């Protein structure tokens, strides 16, 4: 038990020290980079699904597209909806993309202001 508590104290102290030494702008840059990567992946998912829809092939599930849009891929989802003109008749795709874009912008602003 003493070893476990010593480990927890050491890891907590180490994480606090690491947080102090890491530049906040680096963390913001990593978050922005992840957001860009996930948006590109989400956009590619929309493009692939649009191509498969034209060829009556196996499709990507709507749930997958919605979750990809919701988690860090909002910008790619919006681009996929409006540039590729895919899933424009489904209001819940547009609504999910808009709401998650607003949430992601607010989170980026909050992260940068910390």
PDB file of N, CA and C in Angstrom:
ATOM      1  N   UNK A   1       0.825  -1.198   0.000  1.00  0.00           N
ATOM      2  CA  UNK A   1       0.000   0.000   0.000  1.00  0.00           C
ATOM      3  C   UNK A   1       0.864   1.254   0.000  1.00  0.00           C
ATOM      4  N   UNK A   2       1.947   1.220   0.737  1.00  0.00           N
ATOM      5  CA  UNK A   2       2.838   2.367   0.793  1.00  0.00           C
ATOM      6  C   UNK A   2       3.494   2.609  -0.556  1.00  0.00           C
ATOM      7  N   UNK A   3       3.797   1.529  -1.263  1.00  0.00           N
ATOM      8  CA  UNK A   3       4.411   1.663  -2.585  1.00  0.00           C
ATOM      9  C   UNK A   3       3.425   2.314  -3.547  1.00  0.00           C
ATOM     10  N   UNK A   4       2.163   1.894  -3.459  1.00  0.00           N
ATOM     11  CA  UNK A   4       1.138   2.460  -4.339  1.00  0.00           C
ATOM     12  C   UNK A   4       0.940   3.946  -4.061  1.00  0.00           C
ATOM     13  N   UNK A   5       0.866   4.333  -2.796  1.00  0.00           N
ATOM     14  CA  UNK A   5       0.675   5.745  -2.481  1.00  0.00           C
ATOM     15  C   UNK A   5       1.904   6.567  -2.871  1.00  0.00           C
ATOM     16  N   UNK A   6       3.084   6.005  -2.704  1.00  0.00           N
ATOM     17  CA  UNK A   6       4.299   6.709  -3.124  1.00  0.00           C
ATOM     18  C   UNK A   6       4.310   6.885  -4.642  1.00  0.00           C
ATOM     19  N   UNK A   7       3.865   5.858  -5.354  1.00  0.00           N
ATOM     20  CA  UNK A   7       3.793   5.933  -6.814  1.00  0.00           C
ATOM     21  C   UNK A   7       2.806   7.005  -7.252  1.00  0.00           C
ATOM     22  N   UNK A   8       1.644   7.060  -6.600  1.00  0.00           N
ATOM     23  CA  UNK A   8       0.637   8.062  -6.950  1.00  0.00           C
ATOM     24  C   UNK A   8       1.143   9.476  -6.681  1.00  0.00           C
ATOM     25  N   UNK A   9       1.806   9.669  -5.549  1.00  0.00           N
ATOM     26  CA  UNK A   9       2.349  10.988  -5.216  1.00  0.00           C
ATOM     27  C   UNK A   9       3.428  11.384  -6.219  1.00  0.00           C
ATOM     28  N   UNK A  10       4.295  10.434  -6.568  1.00  0.00           N
ATOM     29  CA  UNK A  10       5.364  10.706  -7.526  1.00  0.00           C
ATOM     30  C   UNK A  10       4.799  11.030  -8.901  1.00  0.00           C
ATOM     31  N   UNK A  11       3.811  10.253  -9.342  1.00  0.00           N
ATOM     32  CA  UNK A  11       3.245  10.498 -10.669  1.00  0.00           C
ATOM     33  C   UNK A  11       2.483  11.821 -10.708  1.00  0.00           C
ATOM     34  N   UNK A  12       1.800  12.161  -9.613  1.00  0.00           N
ATOM     35  CA  UNK A  12       1.100  13.441  -9.552  1.00  0.00           C
ATOM     36  C   UNK A  12       2.095  14.591  -9.593  1.00  0.00           C
ATOM     37  N   UNK A  13       3.166  14.485  -8.824  1.00  0.00           N
ATOM     38  CA  UNK A  13       4.197  15.516  -8.801  1.00  0.00           C
ATOM     39  C   UNK A  13       4.862  15.632 -10.163  1.00  0.00           C
ATOM     40  N   UNK A  14       5.107  14.508 -10.813  1.00  0.00           N
ATOM     41  CA  UNK A  14       5.735  14.507 -12.124  1.00  0.00           C
ATOM     42  C   UNK A  14       4.820  15.155 -13.164  1.00  0.00           C
ATOM     43  N   UNK A  15       3.531  14.846 -13.101  1.00  0.00           N
ATOM     44  CA  UNK A  15       2.609  15.430 -14.082  1.00  0.00           C
ATOM     45  C   UNK A  15       2.472  16.935 -13.882  1.00  0.00           C
ATOM     46  N   UNK A  16       2.509  17.386 -12.635  1.00  0.00           N
ATOM     47  CA  UNK A  16       2.455  18.827 -12.374  1.00  0.00           C
ATOM     48  C   UNK A  16       3.710  19.506 -12.918  1.00  0.00           C
ATOM     49  N   UNK A  17       4.868  18.891 -12.692  1.00  0.00           N
ATOM     50  CA  UNK A  17       6.113  19.469 -13.199  1.00  0.00           C
ATOM     51  C   UNK A  17       6.143  19.481 -14.720  1.00  0.00           C
ATOM     52  N   UNK A  18       5.644  18.431 -15.341  1.00  0.00           N
ATOM     53  CA  UNK A  18       5.607  18.383 -16.803  1.00  0.00           C
ATOM     54  C   UNK A  18       4.691  19.476 -17.329  1.00  0.00           C
ATOM     55  N   UNK A  19       3.554  19.662 -16.678  1.00  0.00           N
ATOM     56  CA  UNK A  19       2.598  20.688 -17.112  1.00  0.00           C
ATOM     57  C   UNK A  19       3.221  22.078 -17.012  1.00  0.00           C
ATOM     58  N   UNK A  20       4.033  22.297 -16.013  1.00  0.00           N
ATOM     59  CA  UNK A  20       4.677  23.599 -15.848  1.00  0.00           C
ATOM     60  C   UNK A  20       5.680  23.843 -16.972  1.00  0.00           C
ATOM     61  N   UNK A  21       6.420  22.799 -17.367  1.00  0.00           N
ATOM     62  CA  UNK A  21       7.480  22.973 -18.346  1.00  0.00           C
ATOM     63  C   UNK A  21       6.984  22.986 -19.788  1.00  0.00           C
ATOM     64  N   UNK A  22       5.829  22.412 -20.036  1.00  0.00           N
ATOM     65  CA  UNK A  22       5.326  22.394 -21.403  1.00  0.00           C
ATOM     66  C   UNK A  22       4.725  23.764 -21.722  1.00  0.00           C
ATOM     67  N   UNK A  23       5.098  24.269 -22.835  1.00  0.00           N
ATOM     68  CA  UNK A  23       4.595  25.569 -23.270  1.00  0.00           C
ATOM     69  C   UNK A  23       3.117  25.440 -23.632  1.00  0.00           C
ATOM     70  N   UNK A  24       2.307  26.367 -23.152  1.00  0.00           N
ATOM     71  CA  UNK A  24       0.878  26.314 -23.428  1.00  0.00           C
ATOM     72  C   UNK A  24       0.576  26.439 -24.920  1.00  0.00           C
ATOM     73  N   UNK A  25       1.408  27.168 -25.621  1.00  0.00           N
ATOM     74  CA  UNK A  25       1.192  27.299 -27.060  1.00  0.00           C
ATOM     75  C   UNK A  25       1.446  25.981 -27.770  1.00  0.00           C
ATOM     76  N   UNK A  26       2.324  25.172 -27.223  1.00  0.00           N
ATOM     77  CA  UNK A  26       2.563  23.843 -27.789  1.00  0.00           C
ATOM     78  C   UNK A  26       1.314  22.983 -27.642  1.00  0.00           C
ATOM     79  N   UNK A  27       0.669  23.052 -26.498  1.00  0.00           N
ATOM     80  CA  UNK A  27      -0.558  22.289 -26.275  1.00  0.00           C
ATOM     81  C   UNK A  27      -1.647  22.774 -27.235  1.00  0.00           C
ATOM     82  N   UNK A  28      -1.774  24.082 -27.379  1.00  0.00           N
ATOM     83  CA  UNK A  28      -2.752  24.635 -28.311  1.00  0.00           C
ATOM     84  C   UNK A  28      -2.448  24.175 -29.740  1.00  0.00           C
ATOM     85  N   UNK A  29      -1.172  24.182 -30.127  1.00  0.00           N
ATOM     86  CA  UNK A  29      -0.782  23.750 -31.467  1.00  0.00           C
ATOM     87  C   UNK A  29      -1.115  22.283 -31.693  1.00  0.00           C
ATOM     88  N   UNK A  30      -0.909  21.458 -30.695  1.00  0.00           N
ATOM     89  CA  UNK A  30      -1.230  20.038 -30.807  1.00  0.00           C
ATOM     90  C   UNK A  30      -2.734  19.846 -30.969  1.00  0.00           C
ATOM     91  N   UNK A  31      -3.520  20.595 -30.214  1.00  0.00           N
ATOM     92  CA  UNK A  31      -4.981  20.491 -30.319  1.00  0.00           C
ATOM     93  C   UNK A  31      -5.450  20.929 -31.703  1.00  0.00           C
ATOM     94  N   UNK A  32      -4.886  22.021 -32.208  1.00  0.00           N
ATOM     95  CA  UNK A  32      -5.255  22.493 -33.544  1.00  0.00           C
ATOM     96  C   UNK A  32      -4.840  21.474 -34.606  1.00  0.00           C
ATOM     97  N   UNK A  33      -3.652  20.916 -34.468  1.00  0.00           N
ATOM     98  CA  UNK A  33      -3.178  19.913 -35.420  1.00  0.00           C
ATOM     99  C   UNK A  33      -4.079  18.677 -35.413  1.00  0.00           C
ATOM    100  N   UNK A  34      -4.464  18.207 -34.233  1.00  0.00           N
ATOM    101  CA  UNK A  34      -5.377  17.073 -34.150  1.00  0.00           C
ATOM    102  C   UNK A  34      -6.724  17.407 -34.770  1.00  0.00           C
ATOM    103  N   UNK A  35      -7.187  18.625 -34.557  1.00  0.00           N
ATOM    104  CA  UNK A  35      -8.447  19.057 -35.147  1.00  0.00           C
ATOM    105  C   UNK A  35      -8.363  19.045 -36.673  1.00  0.00           C
ATOM    106  N   UNK A  36      -7.262  19.507 -37.228  1.00  0.00           N
ATOM    107  CA  UNK A  36      -7.076  19.507 -38.681  1.00  0.00           C
ATOM    108  C   UNK A  36      -7.012  18.082 -39.217  1.00  0.00           C
ATOM    109  N   UNK A  37      -6.276  17.206 -38.532  1.00  0.00           N
ATOM    110  CA  UNK A  37      -6.153  15.811 -38.981  1.00  0.00           C
ATOM    111  C   UNK A  37      -7.511  15.123 -38.964  1.00  0.00           C
ATOM    112  N   UNK A  38      -8.257  15.271 -37.876  1.00  0.00           N
ATOM    113  CA  UNK A  38      -9.571  14.637 -37.800  1.00  0.00           C
ATOM    114  C   UNK A  38     -10.548  15.236 -38.808  1.00  0.00           C
ATOM    115  N   UNK A  39     -10.421  16.522 -39.091  1.00  0.00           N
ATOM    116  CA  UNK A  39     -11.292  17.138 -40.091  1.00  0.00           C
ATOM    117  C   UNK A  39     -10.994  16.598 -41.484  1.00  0.00           C
ATOM    118  N   UNK A  40      -9.722  16.399 -41.786  1.00  0.00           N
ATOM    119  CA  UNK A  40      -9.351  15.810 -43.080  1.00  0.00           C
ATOM    120  C   UNK A  40      -9.890  14.392 -43.193  1.00  0.00           C
ATOM    121  N   UNK A  41      -9.754  13.611 -42.118  1.00  0.00           N
ATOM    122  CA  UNK A  41     -10.270  12.242 -42.120  1.00  0.00           C
ATOM    123  C   UNK A  41     -11.787  12.242 -42.307  1.00  0.00           C
ATOM    124  N   UNK A  42     -12.475  13.129 -41.610  1.00  0.00           N
ATOM    125  CA  UNK A  42     -13.933  13.218 -41.731  1.00  0.00           C
ATOM    126  C   UNK A  42     -14.338  13.624 -43.144  1.00  0.00           C
ATOM    127  N   UNK A  43     -13.639  14.592 -43.724  1.00  0.00           N
ATOM    128  CA  UNK A  43     -13.936  15.005 -45.092  1.00  0.00           C
ATOM    129  C   UNK A  43     -13.741  13.842 -46.062  1.00  0.00           C
ATOM    130  N   UNK A  44     -12.673  13.089 -45.884  1.00  0.00           N
ATOM    131  CA  UNK A  44     -12.415  11.922 -46.740  1.00  0.00           C
ATOM    132  C   UNK A  44     -13.532  10.897 -46.585  1.00  0.00           C
ATOM    133  N   UNK A  45     -14.027  10.698 -45.362  1.00  0.00           N
ATOM    134  CA  UNK A  45     -15.149   9.777 -45.154  1.00  0.00           C
ATOM    135  C   UNK A  45     -16.383  10.212 -45.936  1.00  0.00           C
ATOM    136  N   UNK A  46     -16.677  11.511 -45.924  1.00  0.00           N
ATOM    137  CA  UNK A  46     -17.823  12.024 -46.676  1.00  0.00           C
ATOM    138  C   UNK A  46     -17.624  11.827 -48.182  1.00  0.00           C
ATOM    139  N   UNK A  47     -16.415  12.095 -48.675  1.00  0.00           N
ATOM    140  CA  UNK A  47     -16.137  11.939 -50.103  1.00  0.00           C
ATOM    141  C   UNK A  47     -16.265  10.473 -50.515  1.00  0.00           C
ATOM    142  N   UNK A  48     -15.697   9.579 -49.724  1.00  0.00           N
ATOM    143  CA  UNK A  48     -15.776   8.152 -50.036  1.00  0.00           C
ATOM    144  C   UNK A  48     -17.218   7.684 -50.023  1.00  0.00           C
ATOM    145  N   UNK A  49     -17.992   8.128 -49.044  1.00  0.00           N
ATOM    146  CA  UNK A  49     -19.392   7.717 -48.977  1.00  0.00           C
ATOM    147  C   UNK A  49     -20.181   8.271 -50.166  1.00  0.00           C
ATOM    148  N   UNK A  50     -19.861   9.473 -50.603  1.00  0.00           N
ATOM    149  CA  UNK A  50     -20.541  10.056 -51.768  1.00  0.00           C
ATOM    150  C   UNK A  50     -20.220   9.256 -53.030  1.00  0.00           C
ATOM    151  N   UNK A  51     -18.973   8.892 -53.201  1.00  0.00           N
ATOM    152  CA  UNK A  51     -18.570   8.090 -54.364  1.00  0.00           C
ATOM    153  C   UNK A  51     -19.257   6.732 -54.344  1.00  0.00           C
ATOM    154  N   UNK A  52     -19.288   6.113 -53.157  1.00  0.00           N
ATOM    155  CA  UNK A  52     -19.941   4.806 -53.039  1.00  0.00           C
ATOM    156  C   UNK A  52     -21.444   4.908 -53.265  1.00  0.00           C
ATOM    157  N   UNK A  53     -22.039   6.024 -52.886  1.00  0.00           N
ATOM    158  CA  UNK A  53     -23.470   6.216 -53.110  1.00  0.00           C
ATOM    159  C   UNK A  53     -23.775   6.318 -54.602  1.00  0.00           C
ATOM    160  N   UNK A  54     -22.887   6.970 -55.351  1.00  0.00           N
ATOM    161  CA  UNK A  54     -23.090   7.086 -56.796  1.00  0.00           C
ATOM    162  C   UNK A  54     -22.971   5.746 -57.509  1.00  0.00           C
ATOM    163  N   UNK A  55     -22.147   4.846 -56.960  1.00  0.00           N
ATOM    164  CA  UNK A  55     -21.909   3.548 -57.588  1.00  0.00           C
ATOM    165  C   UNK A  55     -22.714   2.418 -56.947  1.00  0.00           C
ATOM    166  N   UNK A  56     -23.669   2.760 -56.095  1.00  0.00           N
ATOM    167  CA  UNK A  56     -24.491   1.763 -55.394  1.00  0.00           C
ATOM    168  C   UNK A  56     -23.637   0.690 -54.709  1.00  0.00           C
ATOM    169  N   UNK A  57     -22.551   1.118 -54.108  1.00  0.00           N
ATOM    170  CA  UNK A  57     -21.641   0.200 -53.427  1.00  0.00           C
ATOM    171  C   UNK A  57     -21.903   0.236 -51.920  1.00  0.00           C
ATOM    172  N   UNK A  58     -21.114  -0.553 -51.197  1.00  0.00           N
ATOM    173  CA  UNK A  58     -21.197  -0.579 -49.741  1.00  0.00           C
ATOM    174  C   UNK A  58     -20.961   0.832 -49.216  1.00  0.00           C
ATOM    175  N   UNK A  59     -21.781   1.266 -48.259  1.00  0.00           N
ATOM    176  CA  UNK A  59     -21.744   2.637 -47.756  1.00  0.00           C
ATOM    177  C   UNK A  59     -21.167   2.694 -46.354  1.00  0.00           C
ATOM    178  N   UNK A  60     -20.693   3.857 -45.997  1.00  0.00           N
ATOM    179  CA  UNK A  60     -20.254   4.122 -44.631  1.00  0.00           C
ATOM    180  C   UNK A  60     -21.505   4.418 -43.814  1.00  0.00           C
ATOM    181  N   UNK A  61     -21.577   3.844 -42.617  1.00  0.00           N
ATOM    182  CA  UNK A  61     -22.769   4.033 -41.782  1.00  0.00           C
ATOM    183  C   UNK A  61     -22.940   5.504 -41.411  1.00  0.00           C
ATOM    184  N   UNK A  62     -24.199   5.905 -41.333  1.00  0.00           N
ATOM    185  CA  UNK A  62     -24.489   7.289 -40.935  1.00  0.00           C
ATOM    186  C   UNK A  62     -23.961   7.576 -39.539  1.00  0.00           C
ATOM    187  N   UNK A  63     -24.026   6.590 -38.669  1.00  0.00           N
ATOM    188  CA  UNK A  63     -23.529   6.759 -37.307  1.00  0.00           C
ATOM    189  C   UNK A  63     -22.037   7.091 -37.323  1.00  0.00           C
ATOM    190  N   UNK A  64     -21.285   6.425 -38.206  1.00  0.00           N
ATOM    191  CA  UNK A  64     -19.854   6.684 -38.309  1.00  0.00           C
ATOM    192  C   UNK A  64     -19.591   8.109 -38.782  1.00  0.00           C
ATOM    193  N   UNK A  65     -20.347   8.545 -39.771  1.00  0.00           N
ATOM    194  CA  UNK A  65     -20.183   9.916 -40.265  1.00  0.00           C
ATOM    195  C   UNK A  65     -20.548  10.945 -39.196  1.00  0.00           C
ATOM    196  N   UNK A  66     -21.626  10.685 -38.476  1.00  0.00           N
ATOM    197  CA  UNK A  66     -22.043  11.621 -37.421  1.00  0.00           C
ATOM    198  C   UNK A  66     -21.027  11.679 -36.281  1.00  0.00           C
ATOM    199  N   UNK A  67     -20.520  10.511 -35.861  1.00  0.00           N
ATOM    200  CA  UNK A  67     -19.532  10.500 -34.776  1.00  0.00           C
ATOM    201  C   UNK A  67     -18.224  11.143 -35.209  1.00  0.00           C
ATOM    202  N   UNK A  68     -17.826  10.911 -36.452  1.00  0.00           N
ATOM    203  CA  UNK A  68     -16.603  11.556 -36.948  1.00  0.00           C
ATOM    204  C   UNK A  68     -16.776  13.066 -37.000  1.00  0.00           C
ATOM    205  N   UNK A  69     -17.967  13.519 -37.347  1.00  0.00           N
ATOM    206  CA  UNK A  69     -18.247  14.955 -37.365  1.00  0.00           C
ATOM    207  C   UNK A  69     -18.275  15.520 -35.951  1.00  0.00           C
ATOM    208  N   UNK A  70     -18.827  14.773 -35.034  1.00  0.00           N
ATOM    209  CA  UNK A  70     -18.988  15.242 -33.664  1.00  0.00           C
ATOM    210  C   UNK A  70     -17.659  15.350 -32.926  1.00  0.00           C
ATOM    211  N   UNK A  71     -16.770  14.385 -33.101  1.00  0.00           N
ATOM    212  CA  UNK A  71     -15.509  14.361 -32.359  1.00  0.00           C
ATOM    213  C   UNK A  71     -14.381  14.906 -33.216  1.00  0.00           C
ATOM    214  N   UNK A  72     -14.103  16.165 -33.094  1.00  0.00           N
ATOM    215  CA  UNK A  72     -12.984  16.881 -33.718  1.00  0.00           C
ATOM    216  C   UNK A  72     -13.052  16.985 -35.227  1.00  0.00           C
ATOM    217  N   UNK A  73     -14.101  16.509 -35.877  1.00  0.00           N
ATOM    218  CA  UNK A  73     -14.139  16.571 -37.331  1.00  0.00           C
ATOM    219  C   UNK A  73     -15.210  17.481 -37.867  1.00  0.00           C
ATOM    220  N   UNK A  74     -15.597  18.469 -37.109  1.00  0.00           N
ATOM    221  CA  UNK A  74     -16.725  19.321 -37.498  1.00  0.00           C
ATOM    222  C   UNK A  74     -16.439  20.102 -38.772  1.00  0.00           C
ATOM    223  N   UNK A  75     -15.239  20.643 -38.898  1.00  0.00           N
ATOM    224  CA  UNK A  75     -14.915  21.423 -40.088  1.00  0.00           C
ATOM    225  C   UNK A  75     -14.906  20.537 -41.330  1.00  0.00           C
ATOM    226  N   UNK A  76     -14.363  19.342 -41.214  1.00  0.00           N
ATOM    227  CA  UNK A  76     -14.382  18.392 -42.326  1.00  0.00           C
ATOM    228  C   UNK A  76     -15.786  17.939 -42.655  1.00  0.00           C
ATOM    229  N   UNK A  77     -16.618  17.794 -41.625  1.00  0.00           N
ATOM    230  CA  UNK A  77     -18.011  17.437 -41.851  1.00  0.00           C
ATOM    231  C   UNK A  77     -18.762  18.524 -42.600  1.00  0.00           C
ATOM    232  N   UNK A  78     -18.536  19.771 -42.200  1.00  0.00           N
ATOM    233  CA  UNK A  78     -19.173  20.884 -42.915  1.00  0.00           C
ATOM    234  C   UNK A  78     -18.715  20.961 -44.366  1.00  0.00           C
ATOM    235  N   UNK A  79     -17.417  20.780 -44.579  1.00  0.00           N
ATOM    236  CA  UNK A  79     -16.907  20.782 -45.949  1.00  0.00           C
ATOM    237  C   UNK A  79     -17.490  19.623 -46.750  1.00  0.00           C
ATOM    238  N   UNK A  80     -17.590  18.472 -46.120  1.00  0.00           N
ATOM    239  CA  UNK A  80     -18.158  17.306 -46.799  1.00  0.00           C
ATOM    240  C   UNK A  80     -19.619  17.506 -47.157  1.00  0.00           C
ATOM    241  N   UNK A  81     -20.340  18.151 -46.279  1.00  0.00           N
ATOM    242  CA  UNK A  81     -21.762  18.387 -46.532  1.00  0.00           C
ATOM    243  C   UNK A  81     -21.956  19.418 -47.638  1.00  0.00           C
ATOM    244  N   UNK A  82     -21.234  20.526 -47.570  1.00  0.00           N
ATOM    245  CA  UNK A  82     -21.512  21.628 -48.489  1.00  0.00           C
ATOM    246  C   UNK A  82     -20.661  21.620 -49.759  1.00  0.00           C
ATOM    247  N   UNK A  83     -19.422  21.151 -49.711  1.00  0.00           N
ATOM    248  CA  UNK A  83     -18.608  21.108 -50.931  1.00  0.00           C
ATOM    249  C   UNK A  83     -18.944  19.893 -51.791  1.00  0.00           C
ATOM    250  N   UNK A  84     -19.087  18.747 -51.142  1.00  0.00           N
ATOM    251  CA  UNK A  84     -19.369  17.517 -51.879  1.00  0.00           C
ATOM    252  C   UNK A  84     -20.870  17.350 -52.093  1.00  0.00           C
ATOM    253  N   UNK A  85     -21.646  18.151 -51.391  1.00  0.00           N
ATOM    254  CA  UNK A  85     -23.118  18.076 -51.449  1.00  0.00           C
ATOM    255  C   UNK A  85     -23.605  16.695 -51.044  1.00  0.00           C
ATOM    256  N   UNK A  86     -23.090  16.224 -49.912  1.00  0.00           N
ATOM    257  CA  UNK A  86     -23.454  14.896 -49.425  1.00  0.00           C
ATOM    258  C   UNK A  86     -24.203  15.034 -48.099  1.00  0.00           C
ATOM    259  N   UNK A  87     -25.314  14.338 -47.986  1.00  0.00           N
ATOM    260  CA  UNK A  87     -26.163  14.329 -46.788  1.00  0.00           C
ATOM    261  C   UNK A  87     -26.798  15.691 -46.523  1.00  0.00           C
ATOM    262  N   UNK A  88     -27.057  16.444 -47.563  1.00  0.00           N
ATOM    263  CA  UNK A  88     -27.652  17.768 -47.380  1.00  0.00           C
ATOM    264  C   UNK A  88     -29.148  17.695 -47.090  1.00  0.00           C
ATOM    265  N   UNK A  89     -29.787  16.591 -47.421  1.00  0.00           N
ATOM    266  CA  UNK A  89     -31.222  16.452 -47.176  1.00  0.00           C
ATOM    267  C   UNK A  89     -31.527  15.987 -45.758  1.00  0.00           C
ATOM    268  N   UNK A  90     -30.491  15.581 -45.036  1.00  0.00           N
ATOM    269  CA  UNK A  90     -30.666  15.106 -43.663  1.00  0.00           C
ATOM    270  C   UNK A  90     -30.336  16.251 -42.715  1.00  0.00           C
ATOM    271  N   UNK A  91     -31.378  16.799 -42.087  1.00  0.00           N
ATOM    272  CA  UNK A  91     -31.185  17.964 -41.221  1.00  0.00           C
ATOM    273  C   UNK A  91     -30.262  17.665 -40.048  1.00  0.00           C
ATOM    274  N   UNK A  92     -30.264  16.406 -39.561  1.00  0.00           N
ATOM    275  CA  UNK A  92     -29.451  16.088 -38.386  1.00  0.00           C
ATOM    276  C   UNK A  92     -27.960  16.077 -38.711  1.00  0.00           C
ATOM    277  N   UNK A  93     -27.579  15.886 -39.957  1.00  0.00           N
ATOM    278  CA  UNK A  93     -26.163  16.012 -40.326  1.00  0.00           C
ATOM    279  C   UNK A  93     -25.733  17.475 -40.281  1.00  0.00           C
ATOM    280  N   UNK A  94     -26.541  18.340 -40.851  1.00  0.00           N
ATOM    281  CA  UNK A  94     -26.217  19.764 -40.854  1.00  0.00           C
ATOM    282  C   UNK A  94     -26.222  20.312 -39.430  1.00  0.00           C
ATOM    283  N   UNK A  95     -27.210  19.908 -38.651  1.00  0.00           N
ATOM    284  CA  UNK A  95     -27.306  20.364 -37.265  1.00  0.00           C
ATOM    285  C   UNK A  95     -26.117  19.884 -36.435  1.00  0.00           C
ATOM    286  N   UNK A  96     -25.753  18.613 -36.586  1.00  0.00           N
ATOM    287  CA  UNK A  96     -24.600  18.064 -35.858  1.00  0.00           C
ATOM    288  C   UNK A  96     -23.325  18.789 -36.248  1.00  0.00           C
ATOM    289  N   UNK A  97     -23.142  19.036 -37.539  1.00  0.00           N
ATOM    290  CA  UNK A  97     -21.931  19.718 -38.002  1.00  0.00           C
ATOM    291  C   UNK A  97     -21.866  21.148 -37.469  1.00  0.00           C
ATOM    292  N   UNK A  98     -22.976  21.852 -37.504  1.00  0.00           N
ATOM    293  CA  UNK A  98     -22.977  23.241 -37.021  1.00  0.00           C
ATOM    294  C   UNK A  98     -22.748  23.327 -35.516  1.00  0.00           C
ATOM    295  N   UNK A  99     -23.452  22.488 -34.760  1.00  0.00           N
ATOM    296  CA  UNK A  99     -23.300  22.515 -33.297  1.00  0.00           C
ATOM    297  C   UNK A  99     -21.891  22.104 -32.886  1.00  0.00           C
ATOM    298  N   UNK A 100     -21.364  21.048 -33.503  1.00  0.00           N
ATOM    299  CA  UNK A 100     -20.016  20.616 -33.113  1.00  0.00           C
ATOM    300  C   UNK A 100     -18.958  21.618 -33.575  1.00  0.00           C
ATOM    301  N   UNK A 101     -19.195  22.338 -34.662  1.00  0.00           N
ATOM    302  CA  UNK A 101     -18.262  23.395 -35.065  1.00  0.00           C
ATOM    303  C   UNK A 101     -18.242  24.509 -34.026  1.00  0.00           C
ATOM    304  N   UNK A 102     -19.406  24.903 -33.569  1.00  0.00           N
ATOM    305  CA  UNK A 102     -19.484  25.948 -32.539  1.00  0.00           C
ATOM    306  C   UNK A 102     -18.782  25.484 -31.263  1.00  0.00           C
ATOM    307  N   UNK A 103     -19.039  24.245 -30.861  1.00  0.00           N
ATOM    308  CA  UNK A 103     -18.408  23.705 -29.649  1.00  0.00           C
ATOM    309  C   UNK A 103     -16.888  23.666 -29.806  1.00  0.00           C
ATOM    310  N   UNK A 104     -16.415  23.225 -30.962  1.00  0.00           N
ATOM    311  CA  UNK A 104     -14.967  23.131 -31.164  1.00  0.00           C
ATOM    312  C   UNK A 104     -14.304  24.494 -31.208  1.00  0.00           C
ATOM    313  N   UNK A 105     -14.957  25.468 -31.803  1.00  0.00           N
ATOM    314  CA  UNK A 105     -14.393  26.827 -31.819  1.00  0.00           C
ATOM    315  C   UNK A 105     -14.337  27.385 -30.402  1.00  0.00           C
ATOM    316  N   UNK A 106     -15.399  27.177 -29.630  1.00  0.00           N
ATOM    317  CA  UNK A 106     -15.412  27.652 -28.240  1.00  0.00           C
ATOM    318  C   UNK A 106     -14.309  26.956 -27.429  1.00  0.00           C
ATOM    319  N   UNK A 107     -14.139  25.658 -27.625  1.00  0.00           N
ATOM    320  CA  UNK A 107     -13.090  24.926 -26.905  1.00  0.00           C
ATOM    321  C   UNK A 107     -11.696  25.403 -27.303  1.00  0.00           C
ATOM    322  N   UNK A 108     -11.495  25.699 -28.589  1.00  0.00           N
ATOM    323  CA  UNK A 108     -10.201  26.219 -29.027  1.00  0.00           C
ATOM    324  C   UNK A 108      -9.930  27.585 -28.425  1.00  0.00           C
ATOM    325  N   UNK A 109     -10.930  28.445 -28.392  1.00  0.00           N
ATOM    326  CA  UNK A 109     -10.770  29.763 -27.786  1.00  0.00           C
ATOM    327  C   UNK A 109     -10.483  29.634 -26.294  1.00  0.00           C
ATOM    328  N   UNK A 110     -11.217  28.736 -25.629  1.00  0.00           N
ATOM    329  CA  UNK A 110     -11.001  28.528 -24.193  1.00  0.00           C
ATOM    330  C   UNK A 110      -9.603  27.970 -23.940  1.00  0.00           C
ATOM    331  N   UNK A 111      -9.173  27.018 -24.754  1.00  0.00           N
ATOM    332  CA  UNK A 111      -7.840  26.439 -24.575  1.00  0.00           C
ATOM    333  C   UNK A 111      -6.764  27.488 -24.777  1.00  0.00           C
ATOM    334  N   UNK A 112      -6.948  28.357 -25.746  1.00  0.00           N
ATOM    335  CA  UNK A 112      -5.951  29.384 -26.005  1.00  0.00           C
ATOM    336  C   UNK A 112      -5.926  30.442 -24.916  1.00  0.00           C
ATOM    337  N   UNK A 113      -7.062  30.684 -24.274  1.00  0.00           N
ATOM    338  CA  UNK A 113      -7.122  31.739 -23.266  1.00  0.00           C
ATOM    339  C   UNK A 113      -6.613  31.285 -21.905  1.00  0.00           C
ATOM    340  N   UNK A 114      -6.397  30.003 -21.727  1.00  0.00           N
ATOM    341  CA  UNK A 114      -5.918  29.505 -20.417  1.00  0.00           C
ATOM    342  C   UNK A 114      -4.488  29.925 -20.180  1.00  0.00           C
TER     343      UNK A 114
END
